[in-house]
Amino acid sequence: MVGGSAEIAVADVTAEADAALSPIATAVGEAWAAELVRTLRANQREIIGAWPGTMREARMRVLARLHRHLDLDLLDELARLVTVAARREWHQVSQPDPEQ
């Protein structure tokens, strides 16, 4: 059962890293939404409809913030947290899309 123990140890390390990185991912998402809102307002554009960001962009922002290699599963989880936080911030200021 050496393989089983190694898998459990890796899962524990990943869970600990995830817990430590979750607040960072949330902050990245909040900053991303704020940045996009500022840019749109500076260009006199409206904030309308659903969050426009993608998971690919979220992954890139996680990697840019952490400056290190991440396990793909952890990267995806952090990108999901980034997206949830960004979407939450976006919906606080966006108006419904009148065309939908």
Protein backbone atom coordinates (compact mmCIF):
# COMPACT_ATOMS: atom_id res chain seq x y z
CA MET A 1 0.00 0.00 0.00
CA VAL A 2 2.89 2.37 -0.53
CA GLY A 3 1.18 3.91 -3.57
CA GLY A 4 -2.00 4.56 -1.57
CA SER A 5 -0.07 6.35 1.17
CA ALA A 6 1.73 8.51 -1.37
CA GLU A 7 -1.56 9.48 -3.01
CA ILE A 8 -3.07 10.44 0.36
CA ALA A 9 0.02 12.49 1.22
CA VAL A 10 -0.18 14.34 -2.10
CA ALA A 11 -3.89 14.99 -1.56
CA ASP A 12 -3.16 16.38 1.93
CA VAL A 13 -0.44 18.71 0.60
CA THR A 14 -2.73 19.87 -2.20
CA ALA A 15 -5.57 20.54 0.24
CA GLU A 16 -3.26 22.52 2.54
CA ALA A 17 -1.88 24.53 -0.38
CA ASP A 18 -5.39 25.16 -1.63
CA ALA A 19 -6.49 26.44 1.78
CA ALA A 20 -3.50 28.77 1.95
CA LEU A 21 -3.96 30.01 -1.62
CA SER A 22 -7.74 30.44 -1.57
CA PRO A 23 -7.66 33.98 -0.10
CA ILE A 24 -5.08 34.96 -2.71
CA ALA A 25 -7.27 33.57 -5.50
CA THR A 26 -10.26 35.48 -4.14
CA ALA A 27 -8.25 38.70 -4.04
CA VAL A 28 -7.05 38.11 -7.61
CA GLY A 29 -10.65 37.72 -8.77
CA GLU A 30 -11.84 40.82 -6.95
CA ALA A 31 -8.95 42.87 -8.37
CA TRP A 32 -9.63 41.54 -11.87
CA ALA A 33 -13.26 42.62 -11.75
CA ALA A 34 -12.35 46.03 -10.33
CA GLU A 35 -9.73 46.50 -13.05
CA LEU A 36 -12.20 45.66 -15.80
CA VAL A 37 -14.89 47.92 -14.35
CA ARG A 38 -12.39 50.82 -14.07
CA THR A 39 -11.28 50.29 -17.67
CA LEU A 40 -14.83 50.22 -19.01
CA ARG A 41 -15.84 53.30 -17.05
CA ALA A 42 -12.70 55.15 -18.16
CA ASN A 43 -13.76 54.44 -21.73
CA GLN A 44 -17.32 55.56 -20.95
CA ARG A 45 -18.66 52.07 -21.56
CA GLU A 46 -21.49 50.48 -19.63
CA ILE A 47 -21.12 47.50 -17.31
CA ILE A 48 -23.87 45.24 -18.63
CA GLY A 49 -24.66 41.56 -18.49
CA ALA A 50 -22.76 38.51 -17.35
CA TRP A 51 -19.13 38.39 -16.28
CA PRO A 52 -17.03 38.47 -19.47
CA GLY A 53 -13.92 36.72 -18.13
CA THR A 54 -12.85 33.19 -19.09
CA MET A 55 -11.26 30.31 -17.21
CA ARG A 56 -8.20 30.64 -19.43
CA GLU A 57 -7.78 34.26 -18.33
CA ALA A 58 -8.31 33.23 -14.71
CA ARG A 59 -5.56 30.60 -14.98
CA MET A 60 -3.19 33.17 -16.47
CA ARG A 61 -3.92 35.58 -13.63
CA VAL A 62 -3.28 32.89 -11.01
CA LEU A 63 0.06 32.02 -12.59
CA ALA A 64 1.03 35.68 -12.95
CA ARG A 65 0.24 36.33 -9.28
CA LEU A 66 1.93 33.25 -7.82
CA HIS A 67 4.99 33.07 -10.06
CA ARG A 68 5.37 29.32 -9.66
CA HIS A 69 4.47 26.00 -11.23
CA LEU A 70 1.20 24.53 -9.98
CA ASP A 71 -0.36 21.12 -10.30
CA LEU A 72 -3.03 21.38 -13.01
CA ASP A 73 -5.83 20.35 -10.64
CA LEU A 74 -4.79 23.00 -8.14
CA LEU A 75 -4.46 25.60 -10.91
CA ASP A 76 -7.96 24.81 -12.12
CA GLU A 77 -9.39 25.01 -8.60
CA LEU A 78 -7.71 28.36 -7.97
CA ALA A 79 -8.93 29.63 -11.35
CA ARG A 80 -12.47 28.64 -10.37
CA LEU A 81 -12.12 30.61 -7.14
CA VAL A 82 -10.80 33.60 -9.09
CA THR A 83 -13.76 33.41 -11.47
CA VAL A 84 -16.33 33.10 -8.67
CA ALA A 85 -14.88 36.14 -6.88
CA ALA A 86 -14.67 38.18 -10.08
CA ARG A 87 -18.21 37.24 -11.09
CA ARG A 88 -19.52 38.17 -7.64
CA GLU A 89 -17.87 41.61 -7.80
CA TRP A 90 -19.02 42.15 -11.39
CA HIS A 91 -22.65 41.39 -10.55
CA GLN A 92 -22.60 43.98 -7.78
CA VAL A 93 -22.15 46.75 -10.35
CA SER A 94 -23.45 45.35 -13.65
CA GLN A 95 -26.83 46.05 -15.12
CA PRO A 96 -28.97 43.33 -16.71
CA ASP A 97 -28.49 42.90 -20.44
CA PRO A 98 -31.61 44.41 -22.06
CA GLU A 99 -31.20 42.17 -25.10
CA GLN A 100 -31.56 38.96 -23.12
